[in-house]
C-alpha cells in the first residue's frame, strides 16, 4: 500500500516538474528602471516632459533656424516719413532754390500684427516678437537652471554638514538659515538693482547677478530638507557599519547619506524650476531684470504696465510671452509630480 502511494507521489512530482519550463529565468527589475517605468506611466509626466523639451528646442534651436531677424534688430521699413521743403534765395538778381529732405521716425506706427515678414508682428520699438520670444526663453530657462543648481549644491553641503555633526555646527547653520529667510527679498533687490544701474554693467548680464543673490537667500529651504533626512538616516544600521569600518566623514555624508536624500532633492529641484521662472519673470516685469534692448519673457510683458493701448488692442505683443511662462511652469510642475509619485517607495502602480 505504501509502495503504491509513494509511486503516485513520484509521478505527480514528475508531472509538475515537466510542466515548468527549464529555460525560463526570473528577471528582477532594477530600482532605476522601476522609477522610469512608473514615471512614463503617468500621462501628466509625459505631457510635462513634452512641454519642457519643446520650450528648450524653441528657445535654443529656434534662433539657429530662423535667422531673418536678430534679437536687437529693428525693422524700420515703412516706419519713416520723409518731408521735402524748398527755400528760394535771390543773389545778384539770380534765384536759387534749395531743397531739404527731412526724415522723421514714426514710432507710433511700429506696432504691427502678424504678417509674412514677422510671424507674431513687432512691438512698439520695432523688434520682432517671435525672435525675442526665443531669446527671452534662453534667458529665463538658463537663469532658472543655474539658480536651482547652485541652490541645491549649497543646500546639500550645508544641510548635510548640519544634519551629520549636529550640536553647535547645526545651531550655527540653522540660525543662519533663519536670518536669510527673514530678509526682505524685493526691497533688497531694488537696492541691488539701483547699484547695478549706477555701475556700467552690461544689461544682458544684470539678471545673472540678481539670480546669484536669489541663490544666496534661497538655499535654506534645501538645507533644511537635507538636514531633516540625514538626522533620520544617520542612525540606520548601514551608517553604524560605515562608521565601524573607519570611513571618513566626507565619505559617510556624500557617499552614503546624500544619495538616499536624492529622490526628495530631485522632486524639490523640478518643482523649484517652475517657481524660479516665475521669480525671474517677476523681476523682469518690475524692470529689475534684463534691460532693453535684450529680451526676457517678463520684460516682454512689462510693456503693458506703461501702455494700456497695447494691453487692450495688441495682444500679440504680450500674450505669447505669458503663454510661454505658463507652459514652462506647468511643465516643470507636471514633471515634479510625476517624479514624486515614481520615487515613492510605497507606490505599487
C-alpha atoms as a PDB file:
ATOM      1  CA  UNK A   1       0.000   0.000   0.000  1.00  0.00           C
ATOM      2  CA  UNK A   2       2.795   2.373   0.940  1.00  0.00           C
ATOM      3  CA  UNK A   3       4.650   1.492  -2.274  1.00  0.00           C
ATOM      4  CA  UNK A   4       1.590   2.424  -4.363  1.00  0.00           C
ATOM      5  CA  UNK A   5       1.205   5.826  -2.613  1.00  0.00           C
ATOM      6  CA  UNK A   6       4.915   6.554  -2.992  1.00  0.00           C
ATOM      7  CA  UNK A   7       4.734   5.702  -6.693  1.00  0.00           C
ATOM      8  CA  UNK A   8       1.756   8.033  -7.230  1.00  0.00           C
ATOM      9  CA  UNK A   9       3.546  10.839  -5.373  1.00  0.00           C
ATOM     10  CA  UNK A  10       6.642  10.446  -7.526  1.00  0.00           C
ATOM     11  CA  UNK A  11       4.504  10.517 -10.682  1.00  0.00           C
ATOM     12  CA  UNK A  12       2.811  13.746  -9.550  1.00  0.00           C
ATOM     13  CA  UNK A  13       6.195  15.369  -8.871  1.00  0.00           C
ATOM     14  CA  UNK A  14       7.435  14.297 -12.280  1.00  0.00           C
ATOM     15  CA  UNK A  15       4.392  15.818 -13.986  1.00  0.00           C
ATOM     16  CA  UNK A  16       4.745  19.089 -12.047  1.00  0.00           C
ATOM     17  CA  UNK A  17       8.428  19.384 -12.909  1.00  0.00           C
ATOM     18  CA  UNK A  18       7.721  18.691 -16.573  1.00  0.00           C
ATOM     19  CA  UNK A  19       5.094  21.455 -16.650  1.00  0.00           C
ATOM     20  CA  UNK A  20       7.633  24.113 -15.613  1.00  0.00           C
ATOM     21  CA  UNK A  21       9.847  25.301 -18.496  1.00  0.00           C
ATOM     22  CA  UNK A  22      13.500  24.865 -17.545  1.00  0.00           C
ATOM     23  CA  UNK A  23      14.784  27.633 -19.826  1.00  0.00           C
ATOM     24  CA  UNK A  24      12.645  30.362 -18.204  1.00  0.00           C
ATOM     25  CA  UNK A  25      14.579  32.667 -15.849  1.00  0.00           C
ATOM     26  CA  UNK A  26      13.206  35.266 -13.476  1.00  0.00           C
ATOM     27  CA  UNK A  27      14.450  38.806 -14.216  1.00  0.00           C
ATOM     28  CA  UNK A  28      14.386  41.320 -11.409  1.00  0.00           C
ATOM     29  CA  UNK A  29      13.694  44.946 -12.286  1.00  0.00           C
ATOM     30  CA  UNK A  30      16.301  47.426 -11.102  1.00  0.00           C
ATOM     31  CA  UNK A  31      15.152  50.377  -8.952  1.00  0.00           C
ATOM     32  CA  UNK A  32      16.121  52.866 -11.674  1.00  0.00           C
ATOM     33  CA  UNK A  33      14.145  51.002 -14.316  1.00  0.00           C
ATOM     34  CA  UNK A  34      11.184  50.773 -11.959  1.00  0.00           C
ATOM     35  CA  UNK A  35      11.242  54.551 -11.365  1.00  0.00           C
ATOM     36  CA  UNK A  36      11.461  55.251 -15.109  1.00  0.00           C
ATOM     37  CA  UNK A  37       8.599  52.847 -15.775  1.00  0.00           C
ATOM     38  CA  UNK A  38       6.399  54.499 -13.143  1.00  0.00           C
ATOM     39  CA  UNK A  39       7.282  57.946 -14.436  1.00  0.00           C
ATOM     40  CA  UNK A  40       6.309  57.205 -18.027  1.00  0.00           C
ATOM     41  CA  UNK A  41       3.085  55.545 -16.952  1.00  0.00           C
ATOM     42  CA  UNK A  42       1.806  58.947 -15.858  1.00  0.00           C
ATOM     43  CA  UNK A  43       0.235  60.904 -18.707  1.00  0.00           C
ATOM     44  CA  UNK A  44       0.849  64.209 -16.944  1.00  0.00           C
ATOM     45  CA  UNK A  45       4.560  63.398 -16.640  1.00  0.00           C
ATOM     46  CA  UNK A  46       4.819  62.752 -20.367  1.00  0.00           C
ATOM     47  CA  UNK A  47       2.881  65.934 -21.157  1.00  0.00           C
ATOM     48  CA  UNK A  48       5.168  67.957 -18.858  1.00  0.00           C
ATOM     49  CA  UNK A  49       8.262  66.421 -20.465  1.00  0.00           C
ATOM     50  CA  UNK A  50       6.984  67.274 -23.952  1.00  0.00           C
ATOM     51  CA  UNK A  51       6.207  70.847 -22.880  1.00  0.00           C
ATOM     52  CA  UNK A  52       9.660  71.429 -21.372  1.00  0.00           C
ATOM     53  CA  UNK A  53      11.567  69.789 -24.239  1.00  0.00           C
ATOM     54  CA  UNK A  54       9.506  71.775 -26.732  1.00  0.00           C
ATOM     55  CA  UNK A  55      10.397  75.040 -24.983  1.00  0.00           C
ATOM     56  CA  UNK A  56      14.094  74.156 -24.973  1.00  0.00           C
ATOM     57  CA  UNK A  57      14.046  73.315 -28.685  1.00  0.00           C
ATOM     58  CA  UNK A  58      12.126  76.504 -29.437  1.00  0.00           C
ATOM     59  CA  UNK A  59      14.457  78.701 -27.376  1.00  0.00           C
ATOM     60  CA  UNK A  60      17.850  77.245 -28.245  1.00  0.00           C
ATOM     61  CA  UNK A  61      17.406  75.723 -31.706  1.00  0.00           C
ATOM     62  CA  UNK A  62      14.876  78.268 -32.988  1.00  0.00           C
ATOM     63  CA  UNK A  63      17.327  81.192 -33.461  1.00  0.00           C
ATOM     64  CA  UNK A  64      19.631  78.875 -35.432  1.00  0.00           C
ATOM     65  CA  UNK A  65      16.859  78.085 -37.900  1.00  0.00           C
ATOM     66  CA  UNK A  66      15.054  81.433 -38.023  1.00  0.00           C
ATOM     67  CA  UNK A  67      17.799  83.924 -38.855  1.00  0.00           C
ATOM     68  CA  UNK A  68      15.851  86.563 -40.762  1.00  0.00           C
ATOM     69  CA  UNK A  69      15.770  88.909 -37.766  1.00  0.00           C
ATOM     70  CA  UNK A  70      18.039  89.315 -34.761  1.00  0.00           C
ATOM     71  CA  UNK A  71      17.192  89.867 -31.116  1.00  0.00           C
ATOM     72  CA  UNK A  72      18.065  93.565 -31.144  1.00  0.00           C
ATOM     73  CA  UNK A  73      17.481  94.220 -34.841  1.00  0.00           C
ATOM     74  CA  UNK A  74      14.896  96.896 -35.577  1.00  0.00           C
ATOM     75  CA  UNK A  75      12.532  96.851 -38.524  1.00  0.00           C
ATOM     76  CA  UNK A  76      12.074 100.449 -39.604  1.00  0.00           C
ATOM     77  CA  UNK A  77      10.890  99.748 -43.124  1.00  0.00           C
ATOM     78  CA  UNK A  78       7.816 101.827 -43.871  1.00  0.00           C
ATOM     79  CA  UNK A  79       8.111 103.460 -40.476  1.00  0.00           C
ATOM     80  CA  UNK A  80       9.796 106.665 -41.639  1.00  0.00           C
ATOM     81  CA  UNK A  81       8.185 109.792 -43.060  1.00  0.00           C
ATOM     82  CA  UNK A  82      10.126 111.995 -45.450  1.00  0.00           C
ATOM     83  CA  UNK A  83       9.206 115.675 -45.952  1.00  0.00           C
ATOM     84  CA  UNK A  84      10.704 117.927 -48.600  1.00  0.00           C
ATOM     85  CA  UNK A  85      10.933 121.717 -48.094  1.00  0.00           C
ATOM     86  CA  UNK A  86      12.048 124.245 -50.662  1.00  0.00           C
ATOM     87  CA  UNK A  87      13.618 127.609 -49.970  1.00  0.00           C
ATOM     88  CA  UNK A  88      14.267 130.217 -52.679  1.00  0.00           C
ATOM     89  CA  UNK A  89      17.057 132.784 -52.429  1.00  0.00           C
ATOM     90  CA  UNK A  90      17.871 135.664 -54.755  1.00  0.00           C
ATOM     91  CA  UNK A  91      21.545 136.541 -55.117  1.00  0.00           C
ATOM     92  CA  UNK A  92      22.705 139.215 -57.606  1.00  0.00           C
ATOM     93  CA  UNK A  93      19.428 139.006 -59.423  1.00  0.00           C
ATOM     94  CA  UNK A  94      19.564 135.226 -59.735  1.00  0.00           C
ATOM     95  CA  UNK A  95      17.188 132.864 -57.942  1.00  0.00           C
ATOM     96  CA  UNK A  96      18.484 129.777 -56.203  1.00  0.00           C
ATOM     97  CA  UNK A  97      16.226 127.034 -54.870  1.00  0.00           C
ATOM     98  CA  UNK A  98      17.384 124.762 -52.053  1.00  0.00           C
ATOM     99  CA  UNK A  99      15.507 121.536 -51.414  1.00  0.00           C
ATOM    100  CA  UNK A 100      15.882 119.944 -47.964  1.00  0.00           C
ATOM    101  CA  UNK A 101      14.674 116.417 -47.147  1.00  0.00           C
ATOM    102  CA  UNK A 102      13.768 115.707 -43.523  1.00  0.00           C
ATOM    103  CA  UNK A 103      13.486 112.177 -42.161  1.00  0.00           C
ATOM    104  CA  UNK A 104      11.039 111.620 -39.319  1.00  0.00           C
ATOM    105  CA  UNK A 105      10.606 108.358 -37.434  1.00  0.00           C
ATOM    106  CA  UNK A 106       7.005 107.362 -36.809  1.00  0.00           C
ATOM    107  CA  UNK A 107       7.343 105.398 -33.589  1.00  0.00           C
ATOM    108  CA  UNK A 108       3.619 105.292 -33.056  1.00  0.00           C
ATOM    109  CA  UNK A 109       3.341 103.049 -36.122  1.00  0.00           C
ATOM    110  CA  UNK A 110       5.949 100.485 -35.056  1.00  0.00           C
ATOM    111  CA  UNK A 111       3.272  98.163 -33.695  1.00  0.00           C
ATOM    112  CA  UNK A 112       2.409  95.609 -36.351  1.00  0.00           C
ATOM    113  CA  UNK A 113       0.310  92.485 -36.266  1.00  0.00           C
ATOM    114  CA  UNK A 114       1.370  89.054 -37.569  1.00  0.00           C
ATOM    115  CA  UNK A 115       2.496  89.055 -41.175  1.00  0.00           C
ATOM    116  CA  UNK A 116       4.658  87.126 -43.623  1.00  0.00           C
ATOM    117  CA  UNK A 117       7.669  89.207 -42.583  1.00  0.00           C
ATOM    118  CA  UNK A 118       7.060  88.951 -38.834  1.00  0.00           C
ATOM    119  CA  UNK A 119       5.273  85.812 -37.627  1.00  0.00           C
ATOM    120  CA  UNK A 120       3.962  87.442 -34.436  1.00  0.00           C
ATOM    121  CA  UNK A 121       4.351  91.039 -35.516  1.00  0.00           C
ATOM    122  CA  UNK A 122       6.540  93.743 -33.976  1.00  0.00           C
ATOM    123  CA  UNK A 123       6.384  95.601 -30.666  1.00  0.00           C
ATOM    124  CA  UNK A 124       6.277  99.349 -30.097  1.00  0.00           C
ATOM    125  CA  UNK A 125      10.031  99.657 -30.675  1.00  0.00           C
ATOM    126  CA  UNK A 126      10.054  97.694 -33.924  1.00  0.00           C
ATOM    127  CA  UNK A 127      11.549  94.429 -32.579  1.00  0.00           C
ATOM    128  CA  UNK A 128      10.377  91.091 -33.952  1.00  0.00           C
ATOM    129  CA  UNK A 129       8.242  89.495 -31.215  1.00  0.00           C
ATOM    130  CA  UNK A 130       8.775  85.916 -32.367  1.00  0.00           C
ATOM    131  CA  UNK A 131      12.566  86.268 -32.298  1.00  0.00           C
ATOM    132  CA  UNK A 132      12.559  87.987 -28.904  1.00  0.00           C
ATOM    133  CA  UNK A 133      10.350  85.196 -27.586  1.00  0.00           C
ATOM    134  CA  UNK A 134      13.054  82.660 -28.450  1.00  0.00           C
ATOM    135  CA  UNK A 135      15.906  84.688 -26.998  1.00  0.00           C
ATOM    136  CA  UNK A 136      13.814  85.501 -23.932  1.00  0.00           C
ATOM    137  CA  UNK A 137      13.312  81.775 -23.379  1.00  0.00           C
ATOM    138  CA  UNK A 138      17.058  81.292 -23.385  1.00  0.00           C
ATOM    139  CA  UNK A 139      17.456  83.835 -20.600  1.00  0.00           C
ATOM    140  CA  UNK A 140      14.538  82.578 -18.497  1.00  0.00           C
ATOM    141  CA  UNK A 141      15.391  78.870 -18.749  1.00  0.00           C
ATOM    142  CA  UNK A 142      19.144  79.288 -18.340  1.00  0.00           C
ATOM    143  CA  UNK A 143      18.873  81.583 -15.336  1.00  0.00           C
ATOM    144  CA  UNK A 144      16.370  79.270 -13.633  1.00  0.00           C
ATOM    145  CA  UNK A 145      18.523  76.172 -14.113  1.00  0.00           C
ATOM    146  CA  UNK A 146      21.669  77.923 -12.893  1.00  0.00           C
ATOM    147  CA  UNK A 147      19.904  79.270  -9.805  1.00  0.00           C
ATOM    148  CA  UNK A 148      18.298  75.928  -8.872  1.00  0.00           C
ATOM    149  CA  UNK A 149      21.589  74.086  -9.446  1.00  0.00           C
ATOM    150  CA  UNK A 150      23.510  76.454  -7.163  1.00  0.00           C
ATOM    151  CA  UNK A 151      20.758  76.389  -4.539  1.00  0.00           C
ATOM    152  CA  UNK A 152      20.870  72.584  -4.483  1.00  0.00           C
ATOM    153  CA  UNK A 153      24.661  72.453  -4.138  1.00  0.00           C
ATOM    154  CA  UNK A 154      24.701  74.925  -1.245  1.00  0.00           C
ATOM    155  CA  UNK A 155      21.729  73.237   0.429  1.00  0.00           C
ATOM    156  CA  UNK A 156      23.237  69.755   0.168  1.00  0.00           C
ATOM    157  CA  UNK A 157      26.639  70.798   1.519  1.00  0.00           C
ATOM    158  CA  UNK A 158      25.430  72.930   4.441  1.00  0.00           C
ATOM    159  CA  UNK A 159      22.389  70.777   5.231  1.00  0.00           C
ATOM    160  CA  UNK A 160      24.497  67.620   5.145  1.00  0.00           C
ATOM    161  CA  UNK A 161      27.079  69.092   7.500  1.00  0.00           C
ATOM    162  CA  UNK A 162      24.395  70.351   9.898  1.00  0.00           C
ATOM    163  CA  UNK A 163      22.497  67.066   9.971  1.00  0.00           C
ATOM    164  CA  UNK A 164      25.574  64.852  10.376  1.00  0.00           C
ATOM    165  CA  UNK A 165      27.516  66.763  13.026  1.00  0.00           C
ATOM    166  CA  UNK A 166      24.634  68.337  14.958  1.00  0.00           C
ATOM    167  CA  UNK A 167      25.450  70.308  18.090  1.00  0.00           C
ATOM    168  CA  UNK A 168      26.973  73.763  17.724  1.00  0.00           C
ATOM    169  CA  UNK A 169      27.567  73.421  13.978  1.00  0.00           C
ATOM    170  CA  UNK A 170      23.929  72.544  13.448  1.00  0.00           C
ATOM    171  CA  UNK A 171      22.798  75.522  15.536  1.00  0.00           C
ATOM    172  CA  UNK A 172      25.032  77.966  13.648  1.00  0.00           C
ATOM    173  CA  UNK A 173      23.873  76.812  10.210  1.00  0.00           C
ATOM    174  CA  UNK A 174      20.200  76.732  11.191  1.00  0.00           C
ATOM    175  CA  UNK A 175      20.352  80.197  12.745  1.00  0.00           C
ATOM    176  CA  UNK A 176      21.959  81.451   9.532  1.00  0.00           C
ATOM    177  CA  UNK A 177      19.033  79.900   7.656  1.00  0.00           C
ATOM    178  CA  UNK A 178      16.587  81.710   9.924  1.00  0.00           C
ATOM    179  CA  UNK A 179      18.300  85.042   9.269  1.00  0.00           C
ATOM    180  CA  UNK A 180      18.299  84.588   5.486  1.00  0.00           C
ATOM    181  CA  UNK A 181      14.641  83.550   5.465  1.00  0.00           C
ATOM    182  CA  UNK A 182      13.739  86.761   7.299  1.00  0.00           C
ATOM    183  CA  UNK A 183      15.455  89.021   4.753  1.00  0.00           C
ATOM    184  CA  UNK A 184      13.000  91.070   2.622  1.00  0.00           C
ATOM    185  CA  UNK A 185      13.690  89.881  -0.913  1.00  0.00           C
ATOM    186  CA  UNK A 186      12.122  92.549  -3.144  1.00  0.00           C
ATOM    187  CA  UNK A 187      13.392  95.645  -1.238  1.00  0.00           C
ATOM    188  CA  UNK A 188      16.949  94.328  -1.263  1.00  0.00           C
ATOM    189  CA  UNK A 189      16.623  93.507  -4.957  1.00  0.00           C
ATOM    190  CA  UNK A 190      15.546  97.109  -5.565  1.00  0.00           C
ATOM    191  CA  UNK A 191      18.674  98.359  -3.779  1.00  0.00           C
ATOM    192  CA  UNK A 192      20.919  95.981  -5.733  1.00  0.00           C
ATOM    193  CA  UNK A 193      19.241  96.973  -8.998  1.00  0.00           C
ATOM    194  CA  UNK A 194      19.870 100.658  -8.232  1.00  0.00           C
ATOM    195  CA  UNK A 195      23.539  99.911  -7.581  1.00  0.00           C
ATOM    196  CA  UNK A 196      23.767  97.996 -10.860  1.00  0.00           C
ATOM    197  CA  UNK A 197      22.125 100.901 -12.704  1.00  0.00           C
ATOM    198  CA  UNK A 198      24.807 103.231 -11.362  1.00  0.00           C
ATOM    199  CA  UNK A 199      27.570 100.875 -12.481  1.00  0.00           C
ATOM    200  CA  UNK A 200      28.467 100.215 -16.110  1.00  0.00           C
ATOM    201  CA  UNK A 201      27.408  96.582 -16.258  1.00  0.00           C
ATOM    202  CA  UNK A 202      26.047  95.159 -19.495  1.00  0.00           C
ATOM    203  CA  UNK A 203      22.248  94.999 -19.356  1.00  0.00           C
ATOM    204  CA  UNK A 204      22.318  91.429 -20.616  1.00  0.00           C
ATOM    205  CA  UNK A 205      24.147  90.157 -17.522  1.00  0.00           C
ATOM    206  CA  UNK A 206      22.263  92.052 -14.812  1.00  0.00           C
ATOM    207  CA  UNK A 207      19.769  89.251 -14.317  1.00  0.00           C
ATOM    208  CA  UNK A 208      22.559  86.750 -13.607  1.00  0.00           C
ATOM    209  CA  UNK A 209      23.868  88.934 -10.785  1.00  0.00           C
ATOM    210  CA  UNK A 210      20.384  89.218  -9.342  1.00  0.00           C
ATOM    211  CA  UNK A 211      19.900  85.458  -9.516  1.00  0.00           C
ATOM    212  CA  UNK A 212      23.137  84.974  -7.577  1.00  0.00           C
ATOM    213  CA  UNK A 213      21.544  86.996  -4.801  1.00  0.00           C
ATOM    214  CA  UNK A 214      18.389  84.886  -5.063  1.00  0.00           C
ATOM    215  CA  UNK A 215      20.556  81.793  -4.745  1.00  0.00           C
ATOM    216  CA  UNK A 216      22.137  83.224  -1.604  1.00  0.00           C
ATOM    217  CA  UNK A 217      18.778  83.742   0.120  1.00  0.00           C
ATOM    218  CA  UNK A 218      17.021  80.608  -1.239  1.00  0.00           C
ATOM    219  CA  UNK A 219      19.306  77.747  -0.198  1.00  0.00           C
ATOM    220  CA  UNK A 220      17.980  77.465   3.412  1.00  0.00           C
ATOM    221  CA  UNK A 221      14.892  75.540   2.249  1.00  0.00           C
ATOM    222  CA  UNK A 222      17.014  72.845   0.597  1.00  0.00           C
ATOM    223  CA  UNK A 223      19.414  72.785   3.553  1.00  0.00           C
ATOM    224  CA  UNK A 224      16.537  72.149   5.979  1.00  0.00           C
ATOM    225  CA  UNK A 225      15.202  69.340   3.775  1.00  0.00           C
ATOM    226  CA  UNK A 226      18.608  67.631   3.610  1.00  0.00           C
ATOM    227  CA  UNK A 227      19.236  68.116   7.335  1.00  0.00           C
ATOM    228  CA  UNK A 228      15.913  66.548   8.303  1.00  0.00           C
ATOM    229  CA  UNK A 229      16.513  63.499   6.119  1.00  0.00           C
ATOM    230  CA  UNK A 230      20.065  62.999   7.360  1.00  0.00           C
ATOM    231  CA  UNK A 231      19.009  63.243  11.008  1.00  0.00           C
ATOM    232  CA  UNK A 232      16.815  60.177  10.474  1.00  0.00           C
ATOM    233  CA  UNK A 233      19.252  58.304   8.208  1.00  0.00           C
ATOM    234  CA  UNK A 234      22.435  58.642  10.276  1.00  0.00           C
ATOM    235  CA  UNK A 235      21.090  56.242  12.911  1.00  0.00           C
ATOM    236  CA  UNK A 236      20.461  53.450  10.402  1.00  0.00           C
ATOM    237  CA  UNK A 237      22.402  50.187  10.571  1.00  0.00           C
ATOM    238  CA  UNK A 238      24.408  50.791   7.403  1.00  0.00           C
ATOM    239  CA  UNK A 239      25.691  54.083   8.822  1.00  0.00           C
ATOM    240  CA  UNK A 240      26.780  52.354  12.026  1.00  0.00           C
ATOM    241  CA  UNK A 241      28.595  49.791   9.878  1.00  0.00           C
ATOM    242  CA  UNK A 242      30.241  52.526   7.772  1.00  0.00           C
ATOM    243  CA  UNK A 243      31.496  54.245  10.917  1.00  0.00           C
ATOM    244  CA  UNK A 244      32.757  50.953  12.331  1.00  0.00           C
ATOM    245  CA  UNK A 245      34.690  50.322   9.105  1.00  0.00           C
ATOM    246  CA  UNK A 246      36.515  53.620   9.548  1.00  0.00           C
ATOM    247  CA  UNK A 247      35.068  55.523   6.582  1.00  0.00           C
ATOM    248  CA  UNK A 248      35.892  59.226   6.514  1.00  0.00           C
ATOM    249  CA  UNK A 249      33.250  61.790   7.430  1.00  0.00           C
ATOM    250  CA  UNK A 250      33.012  63.167   3.886  1.00  0.00           C
ATOM    251  CA  UNK A 251      32.507  59.654   2.504  1.00  0.00           C
ATOM    252  CA  UNK A 252      29.786  58.899   5.025  1.00  0.00           C
ATOM    253  CA  UNK A 253      27.942  62.121   4.164  1.00  0.00           C
ATOM    254  CA  UNK A 254      28.315  62.272   0.391  1.00  0.00           C
ATOM    255  CA  UNK A 255      28.564  58.557  -0.444  1.00  0.00           C
ATOM    256  CA  UNK A 256      26.008  57.051   1.924  1.00  0.00           C
ATOM    257  CA  UNK A 257      23.682  59.769   3.251  1.00  0.00           C
ATOM    258  CA  UNK A 258      23.222  62.234   0.390  1.00  0.00           C
ATOM    259  CA  UNK A 259      22.384  59.551  -2.243  1.00  0.00           C
ATOM    260  CA  UNK A 260      19.489  58.448  -0.042  1.00  0.00           C
ATOM    261  CA  UNK A 261      18.214  62.039   0.012  1.00  0.00           C
ATOM    262  CA  UNK A 262      18.468  62.459  -3.768  1.00  0.00           C
ATOM    263  CA  UNK A 263      14.891  61.329  -4.569  1.00  0.00           C
ATOM    264  CA  UNK A 264      13.471  64.134  -2.429  1.00  0.00           C
ATOM    265  CA  UNK A 265      16.035  66.577  -3.847  1.00  0.00           C
ATOM    266  CA  UNK A 266      15.159  65.712  -7.452  1.00  0.00           C
ATOM    267  CA  UNK A 267      11.489  66.369  -6.797  1.00  0.00           C
ATOM    268  CA  UNK A 268      12.299  69.601  -4.972  1.00  0.00           C
ATOM    269  CA  UNK A 269      14.530  70.780  -7.838  1.00  0.00           C
ATOM    270  CA  UNK A 270      11.939  70.075 -10.528  1.00  0.00           C
ATOM    271  CA  UNK A 271       9.262  71.979  -8.601  1.00  0.00           C
ATOM    272  CA  UNK A 272      11.677  74.832  -7.825  1.00  0.00           C
ATOM    273  CA  UNK A 273      12.380  75.358 -11.522  1.00  0.00           C
ATOM    274  CA  UNK A 274       8.815  76.489 -12.098  1.00  0.00           C
ATOM    275  CA  UNK A 275       8.967  78.843  -9.115  1.00  0.00           C
ATOM    276  CA  UNK A 276      12.291  80.282 -10.280  1.00  0.00           C
ATOM    277  CA  UNK A 277      10.922  81.008 -13.761  1.00  0.00           C
ATOM    278  CA  UNK A 278       8.065  82.924 -12.141  1.00  0.00           C
ATOM    279  CA  UNK A 279      10.563  84.799  -9.959  1.00  0.00           C
ATOM    280  CA  UNK A 280      12.681  85.762 -12.962  1.00  0.00           C
ATOM    281  CA  UNK A 281       9.585  86.866 -14.876  1.00  0.00           C
ATOM    282  CA  UNK A 282       8.501  88.966 -11.892  1.00  0.00           C
ATOM    283  CA  UNK A 283      11.900  90.662 -11.672  1.00  0.00           C
ATOM    284  CA  UNK A 284      11.878  91.434 -15.385  1.00  0.00           C
ATOM    285  CA  UNK A 285       8.292  92.695 -15.179  1.00  0.00           C
ATOM    286  CA  UNK A 286       9.289  95.065 -12.374  1.00  0.00           C
ATOM    287  CA  UNK A 287      12.165  96.257 -14.589  1.00  0.00           C
ATOM    288  CA  UNK A 288      14.713  94.744 -12.203  1.00  0.00           C
ATOM    289  CA  UNK A 289      15.957  92.047 -14.555  1.00  0.00           C
ATOM    290  CA  UNK A 290      17.012  92.092 -18.187  1.00  0.00           C
ATOM    291  CA  UNK A 291      17.072  95.595 -19.643  1.00  0.00           C
ATOM    292  CA  UNK A 292      16.210  96.656 -23.185  1.00  0.00           C
ATOM    293  CA  UNK A 293      17.176  96.047 -25.908  1.00  0.00           C
ATOM    294  CA  UNK A 294      17.644  92.472 -24.689  1.00  0.00           C
ATOM    295  CA  UNK A 295      14.600  90.317 -24.136  1.00  0.00           C
ATOM    296  CA  UNK A 296      13.175  88.123 -21.393  1.00  0.00           C
ATOM    297  CA  UNK A 297       9.635  86.834 -21.038  1.00  0.00           C
ATOM    298  CA  UNK A 298       8.964  89.124 -18.100  1.00  0.00           C
ATOM    299  CA  UNK A 299      10.413  92.121 -19.943  1.00  0.00           C
ATOM    300  CA  UNK A 300       8.104  91.480 -22.888  1.00  0.00           C
ATOM    301  CA  UNK A 301       5.102  91.567 -20.546  1.00  0.00           C
ATOM    302  CA  UNK A 302       6.389  94.682 -18.768  1.00  0.00           C
ATOM    303  CA  UNK A 303       5.298  96.830 -21.714  1.00  0.00           C
ATOM    304  CA  UNK A 304       1.623  96.568 -20.729  1.00  0.00           C
ATOM    305  CA  UNK A 305       2.314  98.321 -17.408  1.00  0.00           C
ATOM    306  CA  UNK A 306       3.020 101.595 -19.205  1.00  0.00           C
ATOM    307  CA  UNK A 307       0.849 101.272 -22.292  1.00  0.00           C
ATOM    308  CA  UNK A 308      -2.829 100.470 -21.862  1.00  0.00           C
ATOM    309  CA  UNK A 309      -3.418 100.561 -25.620  1.00  0.00           C
ATOM    310  CA  UNK A 310      -1.103  97.575 -26.090  1.00  0.00           C
ATOM    311  CA  UNK A 311      -2.839  95.738 -23.241  1.00  0.00           C
ATOM    312  CA  UNK A 312      -6.242  96.104 -24.886  1.00  0.00           C
ATOM    313  CA  UNK A 313      -5.586  96.172 -28.623  1.00  0.00           C
ATOM    314  CA  UNK A 314      -2.271  94.425 -29.289  1.00  0.00           C
ATOM    315  CA  UNK A 315      -2.461  91.010 -27.651  1.00  0.00           C
ATOM    316  CA  UNK A 316       0.236  89.652 -29.982  1.00  0.00           C
ATOM    317  CA  UNK A 317       2.824  91.751 -28.117  1.00  0.00           C
ATOM    318  CA  UNK A 318       2.477  90.269 -24.623  1.00  0.00           C
ATOM    319  CA  UNK A 319       0.229  87.175 -24.722  1.00  0.00           C
ATOM    320  CA  UNK A 320       2.855  84.836 -26.339  1.00  0.00           C
ATOM    321  CA  UNK A 321       5.342  85.573 -23.542  1.00  0.00           C
ATOM    322  CA  UNK A 322       2.660  84.884 -20.916  1.00  0.00           C
ATOM    323  CA  UNK A 323       1.770  81.608 -22.634  1.00  0.00           C
ATOM    324  CA  UNK A 324       5.437  80.527 -22.615  1.00  0.00           C
ATOM    325  CA  UNK A 325       5.694  81.248 -18.872  1.00  0.00           C
ATOM    326  CA  UNK A 326       2.540  79.221 -18.173  1.00  0.00           C
ATOM    327  CA  UNK A 327       3.794  76.303 -20.297  1.00  0.00           C
ATOM    328  CA  UNK A 328       7.185  76.294 -18.556  1.00  0.00           C
ATOM    329  CA  UNK A 329       5.737  76.402 -15.029  1.00  0.00           C
ATOM    330  CA  UNK A 330       3.102  73.748 -15.764  1.00  0.00           C
ATOM    331  CA  UNK A 331       5.654  71.520 -17.491  1.00  0.00           C
ATOM    332  CA  UNK A 332       8.095  71.565 -14.575  1.00  0.00           C
ATOM    333  CA  UNK A 333       5.284  71.037 -12.066  1.00  0.00           C
ATOM    334  CA  UNK A 334       3.945  68.042 -14.024  1.00  0.00           C
ATOM    335  CA  UNK A 335       7.446  66.548 -14.130  1.00  0.00           C
ATOM    336  CA  UNK A 336       7.894  67.166 -10.399  1.00  0.00           C
ATOM    337  CA  UNK A 337       4.586  65.486  -9.571  1.00  0.00           C
ATOM    338  CA  UNK A 338       5.489  62.528 -11.774  1.00  0.00           C
ATOM    339  CA  UNK A 339       8.898  62.143 -10.144  1.00  0.00           C
ATOM    340  CA  UNK A 340       7.361  62.366  -6.679  1.00  0.00           C
ATOM    341  CA  UNK A 341       4.980  59.504  -7.472  1.00  0.00           C
ATOM    342  CA  UNK A 342       7.650  57.461  -9.262  1.00  0.00           C
ATOM    343  CA  UNK A 343      10.168  57.772  -6.421  1.00  0.00           C
ATOM    344  CA  UNK A 344       7.614  56.938  -3.743  1.00  0.00           C
ATOM    345  CA  UNK A 345       8.678  53.520  -2.333  1.00  0.00           C
ATOM    346  CA  UNK A 346       5.106  52.811  -1.195  1.00  0.00           C
ATOM    347  CA  UNK A 347       3.709  53.169  -4.718  1.00  0.00           C
ATOM    348  CA  UNK A 348       2.511  49.899  -6.225  1.00  0.00           C
ATOM    349  CA  UNK A 349       1.439  51.036  -9.640  1.00  0.00           C
END
